[in-house]
Amino acid sequence: MKKLLVCGMMMVCGMCAFAQRTFDENAKPSWKERVYFGGGLSFSSGTNGTYGRYTYVGFYPIAGYMITNKFSAGSFITYQYYNYPDAGNSVTQYGISPFVRYNIGQVFLYSEYMILNTPTYDPNTPRKIYNRWLMGLGYQMPLGKRSSLNVMGLYDVLYNTSERVFSTPWVVRVFFAI
């Protein structure tokens, strides 16, 4: 049960990590000083009651631009692979998520629009695009000069109970930024 809980948390969290640096706005920082890159990885493996054994891998590269010391915008790419060897099935999902972030001290406001392409069970429509608009708050706990532990609670304002691709409108992310 503990292993299943840890695996489930890893899938939900998505481990999105990106660096948020600061600069002196009066010093006219260069374009290079305003751009940041990062990313995250997710992995879980185990057994579930429906499909038997499974493996999940996620990859989330991020690029952002600090417009001001407090406000940044960017995008990350989602790639997720699920394999169910006992069921002879695998699923690949991919998408893009533009985001904006506004820092208020250690708390930040966050909004992201996710466009996710995923397979369907309809033979006439093998893949479908789903949209999420996540909004919420985060907390950034500094761990050093440039690194921090970040926690975000997000809500999908477009959540539709008839589309079962997302099990809940709530998303919780915990990640490290360096």
Protein backbone atom coordinates (compact mmCIF):
# COMPACT_ATOMS: atom_id res chain seq x y z
CA MET A 1 0.00 0.00 0.00
CA LYS A 2 2.84 2.39 0.88
CA LYS A 3 4.52 1.70 -2.47
CA LEU A 4 1.25 2.40 -4.31
CA LEU A 5 0.79 5.68 -2.44
CA VAL A 6 4.33 6.83 -3.25
CA CYS A 7 3.89 5.89 -6.93
CA GLY A 8 0.57 7.72 -7.11
CA MET A 9 2.03 10.85 -5.52
CA MET A 10 4.88 10.82 -8.03
CA MET A 11 2.42 10.68 -10.93
CA VAL A 12 0.30 13.51 -9.53
CA CYS A 13 3.19 15.77 -8.60
CA GLY A 14 4.82 15.77 -12.01
CA MET A 15 8.10 17.03 -10.54
CA CYS A 16 8.33 20.28 -12.50
CA ALA A 17 11.47 22.14 -11.50
CA PHE A 18 12.61 25.50 -12.77
CA ALA A 19 15.06 28.11 -11.58
CA GLN A 20 13.77 31.52 -10.50
CA ARG A 21 16.64 33.97 -10.15
CA THR A 22 16.61 37.64 -9.26
CA PHE A 23 18.40 40.63 -10.77
CA ASP A 24 18.77 44.35 -10.18
CA GLU A 25 16.06 45.93 -12.36
CA ASN A 26 17.90 49.27 -12.42
CA ALA A 27 21.05 47.64 -13.82
CA LYS A 28 19.43 46.74 -17.19
CA PRO A 29 20.22 43.00 -17.14
CA SER A 30 20.97 41.32 -20.42
CA TRP A 31 18.63 38.92 -22.17
CA LYS A 32 20.82 36.01 -21.00
CA GLU A 33 20.39 37.02 -17.35
CA ARG A 34 16.60 37.03 -17.69
CA VAL A 35 16.26 33.62 -19.36
CA TYR A 36 16.15 30.46 -17.29
CA PHE A 37 15.91 26.76 -18.05
CA GLY A 38 15.11 23.73 -15.98
CA GLY A 39 12.94 20.70 -15.92
CA GLY A 40 11.88 17.64 -14.07
CA LEU A 41 11.51 13.90 -14.26
CA SER A 42 8.92 11.50 -12.88
CA PHE A 43 9.08 7.74 -12.55
CA SER A 44 6.93 5.13 -10.89
CA SER A 45 6.39 1.43 -11.21
CA GLY A 46 4.18 -1.07 -9.50
CA THR A 47 0.93 -2.98 -9.78
CA ASN A 48 -2.65 -1.75 -9.91
CA GLY A 49 -5.93 -3.67 -9.72
CA THR A 50 -7.09 -2.85 -13.24
CA TYR A 51 -4.13 -3.42 -15.56
CA GLY A 52 -1.62 -5.32 -13.40
CA ARG A 53 2.01 -4.23 -13.63
CA TYR A 54 2.76 -0.72 -14.88
CA THR A 55 5.65 1.66 -15.47
CA TYR A 56 5.32 5.42 -15.75
CA VAL A 57 7.98 7.87 -16.97
CA GLY A 58 7.53 11.64 -17.31
CA PHE A 59 9.85 14.32 -18.69
CA TYR A 60 9.19 18.08 -18.28
CA PRO A 61 11.74 20.55 -19.75
CA ILE A 62 11.07 24.24 -18.96
CA ALA A 63 12.16 27.59 -20.40
CA GLY A 64 11.21 30.92 -18.83
CA TYR A 65 11.90 34.63 -19.07
CA MET A 66 11.96 37.05 -16.13
CA ILE A 67 10.10 40.13 -17.29
CA THR A 68 10.67 41.81 -13.91
CA ASN A 69 12.16 40.62 -10.62
CA LYS A 70 8.69 39.44 -9.56
CA PHE A 71 7.00 38.46 -12.82
CA SER A 72 8.05 35.72 -15.22
CA ALA A 73 6.51 33.82 -18.12
CA GLY A 74 7.51 30.73 -19.99
CA SER A 75 6.48 27.27 -21.04
CA PHE A 76 7.18 23.68 -20.30
CA ILE A 77 6.75 20.57 -22.39
CA THR A 78 5.10 17.43 -21.08
CA TYR A 79 6.03 13.94 -22.20
CA GLN A 80 4.51 10.98 -20.33
CA TYR A 81 4.77 7.28 -21.10
CA TYR A 82 2.69 4.58 -19.40
CA ASN A 83 3.36 0.89 -20.03
CA TYR A 84 1.04 -1.92 -18.89
CA PRO A 85 2.84 -5.15 -19.92
CA ASP A 86 0.21 -7.50 -18.39
CA ALA A 87 -2.50 -5.81 -20.48
CA GLY A 88 -0.28 -5.49 -23.58
CA ASN A 89 -0.94 -1.76 -23.68
CA SER A 90 1.12 1.44 -23.61
CA VAL A 91 0.11 5.09 -23.71
CA THR A 92 2.11 8.15 -24.73
CA GLN A 93 0.92 11.66 -23.84
CA TYR A 94 2.57 14.93 -24.78
CA GLY A 95 1.77 18.60 -24.56
CA ILE A 96 2.82 22.15 -23.93
CA SER A 97 1.98 24.45 -21.02
CA PRO A 98 2.61 28.20 -21.18
CA PHE A 99 2.71 29.71 -17.67
CA VAL A 100 2.98 32.99 -15.77
CA ARG A 101 4.25 33.45 -12.24
CA TYR A 102 4.18 36.45 -9.90
CA ASN A 103 6.29 36.40 -6.72
CA ILE A 104 5.13 38.10 -3.52
CA GLY A 105 8.01 37.37 -1.17
CA GLN A 106 8.15 33.60 -0.71
CA VAL A 107 4.56 33.14 -1.90
CA PHE A 108 3.77 33.19 -5.60
CA LEU A 109 0.70 33.28 -7.82
CA TYR A 110 0.81 30.83 -10.69
CA SER A 111 -1.29 30.19 -13.80
CA GLU A 112 -0.72 27.69 -16.59
CA TYR A 113 -2.67 26.63 -19.66
CA MET A 114 -2.01 22.98 -20.48
CA ILE A 115 -2.65 21.49 -23.91
CA LEU A 116 -2.31 17.69 -23.66
CA ASN A 117 -2.50 15.22 -26.57
CA THR A 118 -3.48 11.73 -25.45
CA PRO A 119 -4.82 8.51 -27.00
CA THR A 120 -8.52 7.69 -26.79
CA TYR A 121 -10.47 4.44 -26.81
CA ASP A 122 -12.47 5.61 -29.84
CA PRO A 123 -11.20 3.91 -33.04
CA ASN A 124 -12.50 6.84 -35.14
CA THR A 125 -10.50 9.36 -33.10
CA PRO A 126 -7.21 7.72 -32.06
CA ARG A 127 -5.88 10.84 -30.27
CA LYS A 128 -7.56 13.84 -28.67
CA ILE A 129 -6.38 17.17 -27.29
CA TYR A 130 -7.46 18.11 -23.76
CA ASN A 131 -7.07 21.53 -22.15
CA ARG A 132 -6.52 22.52 -18.54
CA TRP A 133 -6.24 25.98 -17.08
CA LEU A 134 -4.51 25.64 -13.73
CA MET A 135 -4.46 28.54 -11.28
CA GLY A 136 -3.21 28.68 -7.73
CA LEU A 137 -0.65 29.57 -5.13
CA GLY A 138 2.81 28.37 -4.33
CA TYR A 139 5.35 28.69 -1.58
CA GLN A 140 9.10 28.92 -2.18
CA MET A 141 11.39 27.90 0.69
CA PRO A 142 15.02 28.94 0.01
CA LEU A 143 17.62 26.20 0.49
CA GLY A 144 20.63 28.24 -0.61
CA LYS A 145 21.62 31.20 -2.76
CA ARG A 146 19.80 29.92 -5.88
CA SER A 147 18.03 26.73 -4.84
CA SER A 148 14.65 26.30 -3.20
CA LEU A 149 11.92 23.83 -2.36
CA ASN A 150 8.62 24.80 -3.97
CA VAL A 151 5.08 23.62 -3.24
CA MET A 152 2.10 24.55 -5.42
CA GLY A 153 -1.62 23.93 -5.04
CA LEU A 154 -3.45 24.44 -8.34
CA TYR A 155 -7.07 24.17 -9.44
CA ASP A 156 -8.27 23.43 -13.00
CA VAL A 157 -10.91 26.09 -13.77
CA LEU A 158 -11.89 24.22 -16.99
CA TYR A 159 -12.43 20.87 -15.22
CA ASN A 160 -15.20 18.82 -16.80
CA THR A 161 -16.48 15.73 -14.97
CA SER A 162 -17.70 14.16 -18.24
CA GLU A 163 -14.13 14.03 -19.61
CA ARG A 164 -12.40 11.40 -17.50
CA VAL A 165 -8.84 12.12 -18.68
CA PHE A 166 -8.10 14.06 -15.46
CA SER A 167 -9.31 12.37 -12.28
CA THR A 168 -9.52 15.57 -10.22
CA PRO A 169 -9.46 19.35 -10.79
CA TRP A 170 -6.78 19.67 -8.08
CA VAL A 171 -3.05 19.44 -8.80
CA VAL A 172 -0.34 19.47 -6.13
CA ARG A 173 3.29 19.88 -7.19
CA VAL A 174 6.37 19.66 -5.02
CA PHE A 175 9.71 20.40 -6.71
CA PHE A 176 13.22 21.69 -6.23
CA ALA A 177 14.52 24.69 -8.15
CA ILE A 178 18.20 25.31 -8.71
